[in-house]
């Protein structure tokens, strides 16, 4: 592997010093890959308008093709954060307007590229905000393949397209999970549920390996529904997070079944976290063909670092 600076024919950034990651990585066979620390791109998906594509300027790598806003990662930057930053810089994607759903990594050992797929949560119009774009367009997903695509994106697109309809939702039986950890929950059930809420938010933000959810790609950032009952119903909602609070008016098990039914009817891939045998049997009866599944509490605790 060799690190070389950008060719002189490529324009420098408009302002500020070049980041240390903005160099080519050259393989022993001569292929060049942009980004000392790897690179990432953001596939922004809007349910109504499709996928946000960037028409690349002619002087860029594979100029004239259509691809995703993206670029070289900064030193120590996560692919998720880097992809969102690049999309903000290149396409004017507003802060807080998208939420990451999953990541797919192309790992070549000397270099890696991460596609971060994110859903629009606040509608916006893209803005060309640097010289790397000829145009930015919302393209219906079924029409993406008809464009002249960047070769790397063209190769990845069939898998990414197939996963655009997959939305994992983890429904958590708060009482069952909290009751499995002897941290004083019996003295303060609302406080214990709030601590679980915060750990679940950190977990969803960081993401979990696709294998843990039985899905494709590399890493997922699932939505979480935390079902609380009794005294735990007093915990606060935290806006703009991946964790929604569902307060059971009566028995928590009944509410969990209702949530699972609702999310499955909406087309989500539902995983219910509980070790309650009776509830697990109700979930199995609810979905005999496996659209809704259960995971034991230790599955969740292991991922939260409490196993």
C-alpha atoms as a PDB file:
ATOM      1  CA  UNK A   1       0.000   0.000   0.000  1.00  0.00           C
ATOM      2  CA  UNK A   2       1.248   3.484  -0.888  1.00  0.00           C
ATOM      3  CA  UNK A   3      -0.146   6.831   0.228  1.00  0.00           C
ATOM      4  CA  UNK A   4       0.018   9.591  -2.376  1.00  0.00           C
ATOM      5  CA  UNK A   5      -1.362  13.158  -2.401  1.00  0.00           C
ATOM      6  CA  UNK A   6      -4.169  14.151  -4.761  1.00  0.00           C
ATOM      7  CA  UNK A   7      -3.137  14.754  -8.386  1.00  0.00           C
ATOM      8  CA  UNK A   8      -2.523  18.434  -9.134  1.00  0.00           C
ATOM      9  CA  UNK A   9      -5.349  18.419 -11.648  1.00  0.00           C
ATOM     10  CA  UNK A  10      -7.945  18.034  -8.919  1.00  0.00           C
ATOM     11  CA  UNK A  11      -9.149  21.231  -7.251  1.00  0.00           C
ATOM     12  CA  UNK A  12      -8.315  21.686  -3.552  1.00  0.00           C
ATOM     13  CA  UNK A  13     -11.057  22.327  -0.993  1.00  0.00           C
ATOM     14  CA  UNK A  14     -12.642  25.737  -1.276  1.00  0.00           C
ATOM     15  CA  UNK A  15     -11.655  26.791   2.237  1.00  0.00           C
ATOM     16  CA  UNK A  16      -9.474  25.600   5.076  1.00  0.00           C
ATOM     17  CA  UNK A  17      -6.583  23.126   5.147  1.00  0.00           C
ATOM     18  CA  UNK A  18      -6.856  19.726   3.520  1.00  0.00           C
ATOM     19  CA  UNK A  19      -7.722  16.991   6.001  1.00  0.00           C
ATOM     20  CA  UNK A  20      -5.042  14.348   6.623  1.00  0.00           C
ATOM     21  CA  UNK A  21      -7.413  11.710   5.239  1.00  0.00           C
ATOM     22  CA  UNK A  22      -7.639  13.419   1.827  1.00  0.00           C
ATOM     23  CA  UNK A  23      -5.056  11.314   0.004  1.00  0.00           C
ATOM     24  CA  UNK A  24      -5.105   8.335  -2.340  1.00  0.00           C
ATOM     25  CA  UNK A  25      -4.352   4.839  -1.092  1.00  0.00           C
ATOM     26  CA  UNK A  26      -2.675   2.945  -3.914  1.00  0.00           C
ATOM     27  CA  UNK A  27      -2.739  -0.848  -3.931  1.00  0.00           C
ATOM     28  CA  UNK A  28       0.255  -2.893  -5.050  1.00  0.00           C
ATOM     29  CA  UNK A  29      -1.598  -3.636  -8.291  1.00  0.00           C
ATOM     30  CA  UNK A  30      -2.051   0.076  -8.999  1.00  0.00           C
ATOM     31  CA  UNK A  31      -5.710   0.658  -8.077  1.00  0.00           C
ATOM     32  CA  UNK A  32      -6.339   3.942  -6.295  1.00  0.00           C
ATOM     33  CA  UNK A  33      -8.790   4.408  -3.416  1.00  0.00           C
ATOM     34  CA  UNK A  34      -9.674   7.777  -1.917  1.00  0.00           C
ATOM     35  CA  UNK A  35      -9.118   8.268   1.813  1.00  0.00           C
ATOM     36  CA  UNK A  36      -6.231   7.369   4.109  1.00  0.00           C
ATOM     37  CA  UNK A  37      -8.724   6.253   6.791  1.00  0.00           C
ATOM     38  CA  UNK A  38     -11.251   4.833   4.370  1.00  0.00           C
ATOM     39  CA  UNK A  39     -14.301   6.528   2.923  1.00  0.00           C
ATOM     40  CA  UNK A  40     -18.066   6.585   3.397  1.00  0.00           C
ATOM     41  CA  UNK A  41     -21.156   7.680   1.534  1.00  0.00           C
ATOM     42  CA  UNK A  42     -24.731   8.416   2.600  1.00  0.00           C
ATOM     43  CA  UNK A  43     -27.669   6.775   0.856  1.00  0.00           C
ATOM     44  CA  UNK A  44     -30.554   9.022   1.869  1.00  0.00           C
ATOM     45  CA  UNK A  45     -33.932   7.350   1.373  1.00  0.00           C
ATOM     46  CA  UNK A  46     -37.220   9.231   1.335  1.00  0.00           C
ATOM     47  CA  UNK A  47     -40.303   7.004   1.272  1.00  0.00           C
ATOM     48  CA  UNK A  48     -42.088   9.391  -1.097  1.00  0.00           C
ATOM     49  CA  UNK A  49     -39.282  10.677  -3.330  1.00  0.00           C
ATOM     50  CA  UNK A  50     -36.724   7.891  -3.513  1.00  0.00           C
ATOM     51  CA  UNK A  51     -32.932   8.045  -3.193  1.00  0.00           C
ATOM     52  CA  UNK A  52     -30.791  11.183  -3.191  1.00  0.00           C
ATOM     53  CA  UNK A  53     -28.159  10.872  -5.943  1.00  0.00           C
ATOM     54  CA  UNK A  54     -25.224  13.095  -6.810  1.00  0.00           C
ATOM     55  CA  UNK A  55     -24.143  13.682 -10.427  1.00  0.00           C
ATOM     56  CA  UNK A  56     -20.362  13.763 -10.076  1.00  0.00           C
ATOM     57  CA  UNK A  57     -18.334  16.564 -11.643  1.00  0.00           C
ATOM     58  CA  UNK A  58     -16.060  15.568 -14.516  1.00  0.00           C
ATOM     59  CA  UNK A  59     -12.732  16.005 -12.712  1.00  0.00           C
ATOM     60  CA  UNK A  60     -13.717  13.643  -9.889  1.00  0.00           C
ATOM     61  CA  UNK A  61     -13.002   9.908  -9.813  1.00  0.00           C
ATOM     62  CA  UNK A  62     -15.370   8.360 -12.408  1.00  0.00           C
ATOM     63  CA  UNK A  63     -16.657  11.851 -13.151  1.00  0.00           C
ATOM     64  CA  UNK A  64     -19.961  12.139 -14.971  1.00  0.00           C
ATOM     65  CA  UNK A  65     -21.505   9.176 -13.185  1.00  0.00           C
ATOM     66  CA  UNK A  66     -24.229   9.175 -10.511  1.00  0.00           C
ATOM     67  CA  UNK A  67     -23.430   8.068  -6.977  1.00  0.00           C
ATOM     68  CA  UNK A  68     -23.917   9.005  -3.327  1.00  0.00           C
ATOM     69  CA  UNK A  69     -22.665  12.084  -1.492  1.00  0.00           C
ATOM     70  CA  UNK A  70     -19.576  10.959   0.368  1.00  0.00           C
ATOM     71  CA  UNK A  71     -15.836  11.094   0.714  1.00  0.00           C
ATOM     72  CA  UNK A  72     -12.770  10.426   2.806  1.00  0.00           C
ATOM     73  CA  UNK A  73     -13.118   9.885   6.540  1.00  0.00           C
ATOM     74  CA  UNK A  74     -11.287  12.022   9.060  1.00  0.00           C
ATOM     75  CA  UNK A  75      -8.841  10.538  11.531  1.00  0.00           C
ATOM     76  CA  UNK A  76     -10.836   8.812  14.295  1.00  0.00           C
ATOM     77  CA  UNK A  77     -14.203   9.530  12.659  1.00  0.00           C
ATOM     78  CA  UNK A  78     -16.827   6.775  12.512  1.00  0.00           C
ATOM     79  CA  UNK A  79     -18.167   5.879   9.048  1.00  0.00           C
ATOM     80  CA  UNK A  80     -21.655   6.868  10.179  1.00  0.00           C
ATOM     81  CA  UNK A  81     -20.559  10.324  11.289  1.00  0.00           C
ATOM     82  CA  UNK A  82     -18.304  10.744   8.263  1.00  0.00           C
ATOM     83  CA  UNK A  83     -21.029   9.852   5.774  1.00  0.00           C
ATOM     84  CA  UNK A  84     -23.460  12.315   7.344  1.00  0.00           C
ATOM     85  CA  UNK A  85     -20.797  15.054   7.489  1.00  0.00           C
ATOM     86  CA  UNK A  86     -19.921  14.547   3.816  1.00  0.00           C
ATOM     87  CA  UNK A  87     -23.596  14.673   2.831  1.00  0.00           C
ATOM     88  CA  UNK A  88     -23.997  17.902   4.782  1.00  0.00           C
ATOM     89  CA  UNK A  89     -20.975  19.381   3.007  1.00  0.00           C
ATOM     90  CA  UNK A  90     -21.784  18.169  -0.516  1.00  0.00           C
ATOM     91  CA  UNK A  91     -25.576  18.105  -0.619  1.00  0.00           C
ATOM     92  CA  UNK A  92     -26.706  20.480   2.127  1.00  0.00           C
ATOM     93  CA  UNK A  93     -28.387  17.686   4.092  1.00  0.00           C
ATOM     94  CA  UNK A  94     -29.619  19.522   7.225  1.00  0.00           C
ATOM     95  CA  UNK A  95     -28.483  18.423  10.658  1.00  0.00           C
ATOM     96  CA  UNK A  96     -31.046  16.106  12.241  1.00  0.00           C
ATOM     97  CA  UNK A  97     -32.953  15.501   8.999  1.00  0.00           C
ATOM     98  CA  UNK A  98     -31.936  11.846   8.587  1.00  0.00           C
ATOM     99  CA  UNK A  99     -31.572   8.793  10.797  1.00  0.00           C
ATOM    100  CA  UNK A 100     -29.144   5.975  10.000  1.00  0.00           C
ATOM    101  CA  UNK A 101     -30.789   2.580   9.460  1.00  0.00           C
ATOM    102  CA  UNK A 102     -27.972   0.271   8.342  1.00  0.00           C
ATOM    103  CA  UNK A 103     -24.404   0.173   7.059  1.00  0.00           C
ATOM    104  CA  UNK A 104     -22.739  -1.977   4.405  1.00  0.00           C
ATOM    105  CA  UNK A 105     -18.946  -2.195   4.366  1.00  0.00           C
ATOM    106  CA  UNK A 106     -16.685  -3.030   1.438  1.00  0.00           C
ATOM    107  CA  UNK A 107     -13.447  -4.082   3.156  1.00  0.00           C
ATOM    108  CA  UNK A 108     -10.386  -4.441   0.911  1.00  0.00           C
ATOM    109  CA  UNK A 109      -7.995  -4.715   3.893  1.00  0.00           C
ATOM    110  CA  UNK A 110      -5.864  -1.783   2.698  1.00  0.00           C
ATOM    111  CA  UNK A 111      -8.973   0.404   2.408  1.00  0.00           C
ATOM    112  CA  UNK A 112     -12.687   0.266   3.153  1.00  0.00           C
ATOM    113  CA  UNK A 113     -15.816   2.020   1.983  1.00  0.00           C
ATOM    114  CA  UNK A 114     -18.963   2.188   4.116  1.00  0.00           C
ATOM    115  CA  UNK A 115     -22.393   2.907   2.662  1.00  0.00           C
ATOM    116  CA  UNK A 116     -24.630   4.332   5.379  1.00  0.00           C
ATOM    117  CA  UNK A 117     -28.332   4.029   4.542  1.00  0.00           C
ATOM    118  CA  UNK A 118     -30.440   6.643   6.311  1.00  0.00           C
ATOM    119  CA  UNK A 119     -34.129   7.526   6.341  1.00  0.00           C
ATOM    120  CA  UNK A 120     -35.441  11.062   6.032  1.00  0.00           C
ATOM    121  CA  UNK A 121     -37.135  12.087   9.282  1.00  0.00           C
ATOM    122  CA  UNK A 122     -37.493  15.805   8.410  1.00  0.00           C
ATOM    123  CA  UNK A 123     -38.116  16.479   4.681  1.00  0.00           C
ATOM    124  CA  UNK A 124     -35.621  18.765   2.956  1.00  0.00           C
ATOM    125  CA  UNK A 125     -34.410  19.841  -0.475  1.00  0.00           C
ATOM    126  CA  UNK A 126     -30.739  19.172  -1.273  1.00  0.00           C
ATOM    127  CA  UNK A 127     -28.432  22.061  -2.099  1.00  0.00           C
ATOM    128  CA  UNK A 128     -25.231  21.934  -4.164  1.00  0.00           C
ATOM    129  CA  UNK A 129     -22.778  23.287  -1.633  1.00  0.00           C
ATOM    130  CA  UNK A 130     -19.351  22.367  -3.051  1.00  0.00           C
ATOM    131  CA  UNK A 131     -17.741  21.879  -6.498  1.00  0.00           C
ATOM    132  CA  UNK A 132     -18.034  18.079  -6.534  1.00  0.00           C
ATOM    133  CA  UNK A 133     -21.651  18.017  -7.755  1.00  0.00           C
ATOM    134  CA  UNK A 134     -23.132  18.780 -11.160  1.00  0.00           C
ATOM    135  CA  UNK A 135     -26.616  18.007  -9.874  1.00  0.00           C
ATOM    136  CA  UNK A 136     -28.480  16.494  -6.945  1.00  0.00           C
ATOM    137  CA  UNK A 137     -31.742  14.642  -7.550  1.00  0.00           C
ATOM    138  CA  UNK A 138     -34.297  12.503  -5.772  1.00  0.00           C
ATOM    139  CA  UNK A 139     -34.527   9.378  -7.939  1.00  0.00           C
ATOM    140  CA  UNK A 140     -37.225   6.708  -7.420  1.00  0.00           C
ATOM    141  CA  UNK A 141     -35.542   3.528  -6.215  1.00  0.00           C
ATOM    142  CA  UNK A 142     -36.800   1.506  -9.192  1.00  0.00           C
ATOM    143  CA  UNK A 143     -35.177   4.015 -11.585  1.00  0.00           C
ATOM    144  CA  UNK A 144     -31.728   4.228  -9.986  1.00  0.00           C
ATOM    145  CA  UNK A 145     -30.245   1.395 -12.067  1.00  0.00           C
ATOM    146  CA  UNK A 146     -31.180   3.204 -15.302  1.00  0.00           C
ATOM    147  CA  UNK A 147     -28.680   5.995 -14.549  1.00  0.00           C
ATOM    148  CA  UNK A 148     -24.975   5.773 -15.498  1.00  0.00           C
ATOM    149  CA  UNK A 149     -23.770   4.826 -12.024  1.00  0.00           C
ATOM    150  CA  UNK A 150     -20.332   4.955 -10.434  1.00  0.00           C
ATOM    151  CA  UNK A 151     -19.011   1.362 -10.829  1.00  0.00           C
ATOM    152  CA  UNK A 152     -18.695   0.778  -7.080  1.00  0.00           C
ATOM    153  CA  UNK A 153     -22.212   2.013  -6.433  1.00  0.00           C
ATOM    154  CA  UNK A 154     -23.573   0.023  -9.386  1.00  0.00           C
ATOM    155  CA  UNK A 155     -22.124  -3.166  -7.922  1.00  0.00           C
ATOM    156  CA  UNK A 156     -23.555  -2.499  -4.457  1.00  0.00           C
ATOM    157  CA  UNK A 157     -26.960  -1.176  -5.534  1.00  0.00           C
ATOM    158  CA  UNK A 158     -28.885  -4.484  -5.992  1.00  0.00           C
ATOM    159  CA  UNK A 159     -28.169  -5.516  -2.394  1.00  0.00           C
ATOM    160  CA  UNK A 160     -28.861  -2.030  -1.036  1.00  0.00           C
ATOM    161  CA  UNK A 161     -32.094  -1.797  -3.028  1.00  0.00           C
ATOM    162  CA  UNK A 162     -33.309  -5.132  -1.652  1.00  0.00           C
ATOM    163  CA  UNK A 163     -32.738  -3.963   1.919  1.00  0.00           C
ATOM    164  CA  UNK A 164     -34.507  -0.604   1.568  1.00  0.00           C
ATOM    165  CA  UNK A 165     -37.767  -2.328   2.496  1.00  0.00           C
ATOM    166  CA  UNK A 166     -36.352  -3.947   5.644  1.00  0.00           C
ATOM    167  CA  UNK A 167     -36.996  -2.063   8.889  1.00  0.00           C
ATOM    168  CA  UNK A 168     -36.089  -3.883  12.106  1.00  0.00           C
ATOM    169  CA  UNK A 169     -37.933  -2.882  15.259  1.00  0.00           C
ATOM    170  CA  UNK A 170     -36.888  -4.264  18.636  1.00  0.00           C
ATOM    171  CA  UNK A 171     -39.763  -4.340  21.139  1.00  0.00           C
ATOM    172  CA  UNK A 172     -38.377  -4.590  24.671  1.00  0.00           C
ATOM    173  CA  UNK A 173     -40.258  -6.034  27.646  1.00  0.00           C
ATOM    174  CA  UNK A 174     -38.903  -3.483  30.140  1.00  0.00           C
ATOM    175  CA  UNK A 175     -40.135  -5.266  33.266  1.00  0.00           C
ATOM    176  CA  UNK A 176     -38.562  -8.545  32.199  1.00  0.00           C
ATOM    177  CA  UNK A 177     -35.211  -6.997  31.262  1.00  0.00           C
ATOM    178  CA  UNK A 178     -34.982  -4.705  34.299  1.00  0.00           C
ATOM    179  CA  UNK A 179     -35.966  -7.538  36.638  1.00  0.00           C
ATOM    180  CA  UNK A 180     -33.081  -9.686  35.399  1.00  0.00           C
ATOM    181  CA  UNK A 181     -30.391  -7.277  36.649  1.00  0.00           C
ATOM    182  CA  UNK A 182     -30.029  -6.811  40.436  1.00  0.00           C
ATOM    183  CA  UNK A 183     -29.338  -3.079  40.401  1.00  0.00           C
ATOM    184  CA  UNK A 184     -31.927  -1.973  42.928  1.00  0.00           C
ATOM    185  CA  UNK A 185     -34.815  -1.792  40.481  1.00  0.00           C
ATOM    186  CA  UNK A 186     -37.287  -2.870  43.166  1.00  0.00           C
ATOM    187  CA  UNK A 187     -36.632   0.428  44.987  1.00  0.00           C
ATOM    188  CA  UNK A 188     -36.991   2.650  41.924  1.00  0.00           C
ATOM    189  CA  UNK A 189     -38.647   1.003  38.948  1.00  0.00           C
ATOM    190  CA  UNK A 190     -38.970   4.224  36.965  1.00  0.00           C
ATOM    191  CA  UNK A 191     -35.285   4.988  37.504  1.00  0.00           C
ATOM    192  CA  UNK A 192     -34.278   1.483  36.397  1.00  0.00           C
ATOM    193  CA  UNK A 193     -36.455   1.753  33.289  1.00  0.00           C
ATOM    194  CA  UNK A 194     -34.912   5.149  32.474  1.00  0.00           C
ATOM    195  CA  UNK A 195     -31.421   3.679  32.744  1.00  0.00           C
ATOM    196  CA  UNK A 196     -32.453   0.885  30.386  1.00  0.00           C
ATOM    197  CA  UNK A 197     -33.912   3.464  27.969  1.00  0.00           C
ATOM    198  CA  UNK A 198     -30.578   5.323  27.881  1.00  0.00           C
ATOM    199  CA  UNK A 199     -28.558   2.142  27.327  1.00  0.00           C
ATOM    200  CA  UNK A 200     -30.879   1.109  24.508  1.00  0.00           C
ATOM    201  CA  UNK A 201     -30.465   4.524  22.864  1.00  0.00           C
ATOM    202  CA  UNK A 202     -26.666   4.226  22.980  1.00  0.00           C
ATOM    203  CA  UNK A 203     -26.906   0.691  21.556  1.00  0.00           C
ATOM    204  CA  UNK A 204     -29.168   1.711  18.679  1.00  0.00           C
ATOM    205  CA  UNK A 205     -27.005   4.742  17.899  1.00  0.00           C
ATOM    206  CA  UNK A 206     -23.801   2.680  17.779  1.00  0.00           C
ATOM    207  CA  UNK A 207     -25.518  -0.095  15.830  1.00  0.00           C
ATOM    208  CA  UNK A 208     -25.392  -3.853  16.113  1.00  0.00           C
ATOM    209  CA  UNK A 209     -23.868  -6.454  13.771  1.00  0.00           C
ATOM    210  CA  UNK A 210     -26.309  -7.600  11.100  1.00  0.00           C
ATOM    211  CA  UNK A 211     -25.825 -11.205  12.218  1.00  0.00           C
ATOM    212  CA  UNK A 212     -27.411 -10.378  15.592  1.00  0.00           C
ATOM    213  CA  UNK A 213     -30.636  -9.502  13.789  1.00  0.00           C
ATOM    214  CA  UNK A 214     -30.420 -12.194  11.135  1.00  0.00           C
ATOM    215  CA  UNK A 215     -30.215  -9.573   8.377  1.00  0.00           C
ATOM    216  CA  UNK A 216     -27.963  -8.726   5.446  1.00  0.00           C
ATOM    217  CA  UNK A 217     -25.444  -5.868   5.160  1.00  0.00           C
ATOM    218  CA  UNK A 218     -22.915  -5.228   7.943  1.00  0.00           C
ATOM    219  CA  UNK A 219     -24.452  -3.208  10.756  1.00  0.00           C
ATOM    220  CA  UNK A 220     -27.950  -2.007  11.694  1.00  0.00           C
ATOM    221  CA  UNK A 221     -29.325   0.839  13.779  1.00  0.00           C
ATOM    222  CA  UNK A 222     -32.747  -0.553  14.762  1.00  0.00           C
ATOM    223  CA  UNK A 223     -35.678   1.369  16.125  1.00  0.00           C
ATOM    224  CA  UNK A 224     -36.577   0.359  19.681  1.00  0.00           C
ATOM    225  CA  UNK A 225     -39.961   0.349  21.424  1.00  0.00           C
ATOM    226  CA  UNK A 226     -39.616   0.110  25.201  1.00  0.00           C
ATOM    227  CA  UNK A 227     -42.878  -1.130  26.751  1.00  0.00           C
ATOM    228  CA  UNK A 228     -43.251  -0.057  30.384  1.00  0.00           C
ATOM    229  CA  UNK A 229     -45.941  -0.787  32.968  1.00  0.00           C
ATOM    230  CA  UNK A 230     -46.830   0.130  36.532  1.00  0.00           C
ATOM    231  CA  UNK A 231     -44.517   2.632  38.247  1.00  0.00           C
ATOM    232  CA  UNK A 232     -42.149   2.609  35.269  1.00  0.00           C
ATOM    233  CA  UNK A 233     -44.772   4.437  33.201  1.00  0.00           C
ATOM    234  CA  UNK A 234     -43.527   7.664  34.783  1.00  0.00           C
ATOM    235  CA  UNK A 235     -40.270   7.761  32.796  1.00  0.00           C
ATOM    236  CA  UNK A 236     -39.732  10.621  30.356  1.00  0.00           C
ATOM    237  CA  UNK A 237     -39.768  10.445  26.583  1.00  0.00           C
ATOM    238  CA  UNK A 238     -36.548  11.642  24.979  1.00  0.00           C
ATOM    239  CA  UNK A 239     -37.276  13.378  21.648  1.00  0.00           C
ATOM    240  CA  UNK A 240     -35.234  12.630  18.510  1.00  0.00           C
ATOM    241  CA  UNK A 241     -33.910   9.295  19.717  1.00  0.00           C
ATOM    242  CA  UNK A 242     -34.193   5.748  18.426  1.00  0.00           C
ATOM    243  CA  UNK A 243     -36.135   4.638  21.519  1.00  0.00           C
ATOM    244  CA  UNK A 244     -39.868   5.173  21.741  1.00  0.00           C
ATOM    245  CA  UNK A 245     -41.720   4.656  25.021  1.00  0.00           C
ATOM    246  CA  UNK A 246     -44.989   2.713  25.021  1.00  0.00           C
ATOM    247  CA  UNK A 247     -46.888   2.906  28.330  1.00  0.00           C
ATOM    248  CA  UNK A 248     -49.113  -0.082  29.024  1.00  0.00           C
ATOM    249  CA  UNK A 249     -52.487   0.965  30.444  1.00  0.00           C
ATOM    250  CA  UNK A 250     -52.783  -2.462  32.033  1.00  0.00           C
ATOM    251  CA  UNK A 251     -50.726  -5.628  31.706  1.00  0.00           C
ATOM    252  CA  UNK A 252     -47.408  -5.113  29.962  1.00  0.00           C
ATOM    253  CA  UNK A 253     -47.703  -8.391  28.045  1.00  0.00           C
ATOM    254  CA  UNK A 254     -50.942  -7.287  26.399  1.00  0.00           C
ATOM    255  CA  UNK A 255     -49.351  -4.032  25.275  1.00  0.00           C
ATOM    256  CA  UNK A 256     -46.287  -5.825  23.886  1.00  0.00           C
ATOM    257  CA  UNK A 257     -48.538  -8.041  21.789  1.00  0.00           C
ATOM    258  CA  UNK A 258     -50.404  -4.965  20.521  1.00  0.00           C
ATOM    259  CA  UNK A 259     -47.161  -3.219  19.570  1.00  0.00           C
ATOM    260  CA  UNK A 260     -45.870  -6.327  17.795  1.00  0.00           C
ATOM    261  CA  UNK A 261     -49.119  -6.629  15.835  1.00  0.00           C
ATOM    262  CA  UNK A 262     -49.054  -2.954  14.840  1.00  0.00           C
ATOM    263  CA  UNK A 263     -45.441  -2.944  13.694  1.00  0.00           C
ATOM    264  CA  UNK A 264     -45.781  -6.233  11.814  1.00  0.00           C
ATOM    265  CA  UNK A 265     -48.875  -4.875  10.045  1.00  0.00           C
ATOM    266  CA  UNK A 266     -46.784  -1.856   8.997  1.00  0.00           C
ATOM    267  CA  UNK A 267     -44.284  -4.205   7.361  1.00  0.00           C
ATOM    268  CA  UNK A 268     -41.542  -3.973   9.979  1.00  0.00           C
ATOM    269  CA  UNK A 269     -39.279  -6.860  10.967  1.00  0.00           C
ATOM    270  CA  UNK A 270     -40.191  -7.259  14.655  1.00  0.00           C
ATOM    271  CA  UNK A 271     -38.030  -8.779  17.391  1.00  0.00           C
ATOM    272  CA  UNK A 272     -39.584  -8.990  20.870  1.00  0.00           C
ATOM    273  CA  UNK A 273     -37.091  -9.155  23.736  1.00  0.00           C
ATOM    274  CA  UNK A 274     -38.488 -11.200  26.623  1.00  0.00           C
ATOM    275  CA  UNK A 275     -37.750 -14.365  28.566  1.00  0.00           C
ATOM    276  CA  UNK A 276     -41.336 -14.681  29.738  1.00  0.00           C
ATOM    277  CA  UNK A 277     -42.540 -18.063  28.503  1.00  0.00           C
ATOM    278  CA  UNK A 278     -46.195 -17.117  28.384  1.00  0.00           C
ATOM    279  CA  UNK A 279     -45.497 -13.963  26.362  1.00  0.00           C
ATOM    280  CA  UNK A 280     -43.119 -15.855  24.072  1.00  0.00           C
ATOM    281  CA  UNK A 281     -45.880 -18.372  23.357  1.00  0.00           C
ATOM    282  CA  UNK A 282     -48.313 -15.566  22.533  1.00  0.00           C
ATOM    283  CA  UNK A 283     -45.796 -14.023  20.126  1.00  0.00           C
ATOM    284  CA  UNK A 284     -45.201 -17.389  18.447  1.00  0.00           C
ATOM    285  CA  UNK A 285     -48.958 -17.848  17.984  1.00  0.00           C
ATOM    286  CA  UNK A 286     -49.221 -14.304  16.658  1.00  0.00           C
ATOM    287  CA  UNK A 287     -46.688 -15.000  13.912  1.00  0.00           C
ATOM    288  CA  UNK A 288     -46.470 -18.731  13.081  1.00  0.00           C
ATOM    289  CA  UNK A 289     -44.421 -18.052   9.922  1.00  0.00           C
ATOM    290  CA  UNK A 290     -41.805 -15.954  11.698  1.00  0.00           C
ATOM    291  CA  UNK A 291     -42.606 -12.346  10.755  1.00  0.00           C
ATOM    292  CA  UNK A 292     -42.373 -11.574  14.489  1.00  0.00           C
ATOM    293  CA  UNK A 293     -39.708 -13.325  16.537  1.00  0.00           C
ATOM    294  CA  UNK A 294     -38.583 -13.352  20.156  1.00  0.00           C
ATOM    295  CA  UNK A 295     -35.122 -12.992  21.631  1.00  0.00           C
ATOM    296  CA  UNK A 296     -34.309 -13.861  25.265  1.00  0.00           C
ATOM    297  CA  UNK A 297     -33.270 -11.177  27.712  1.00  0.00           C
ATOM    298  CA  UNK A 298     -29.650 -12.371  27.771  1.00  0.00           C
ATOM    299  CA  UNK A 299     -29.473 -11.622  24.007  1.00  0.00           C
ATOM    300  CA  UNK A 300     -30.156  -7.989  24.783  1.00  0.00           C
ATOM    301  CA  UNK A 301     -28.007  -7.815  27.907  1.00  0.00           C
ATOM    302  CA  UNK A 302     -25.008  -9.240  26.059  1.00  0.00           C
ATOM    303  CA  UNK A 303     -25.240  -6.428  23.526  1.00  0.00           C
ATOM    304  CA  UNK A 304     -25.658  -3.832  26.262  1.00  0.00           C
ATOM    305  CA  UNK A 305     -22.544  -5.147  27.987  1.00  0.00           C
ATOM    306  CA  UNK A 306     -24.480  -6.471  30.972  1.00  0.00           C
ATOM    307  CA  UNK A 307     -24.420 -10.158  30.128  1.00  0.00           C
END
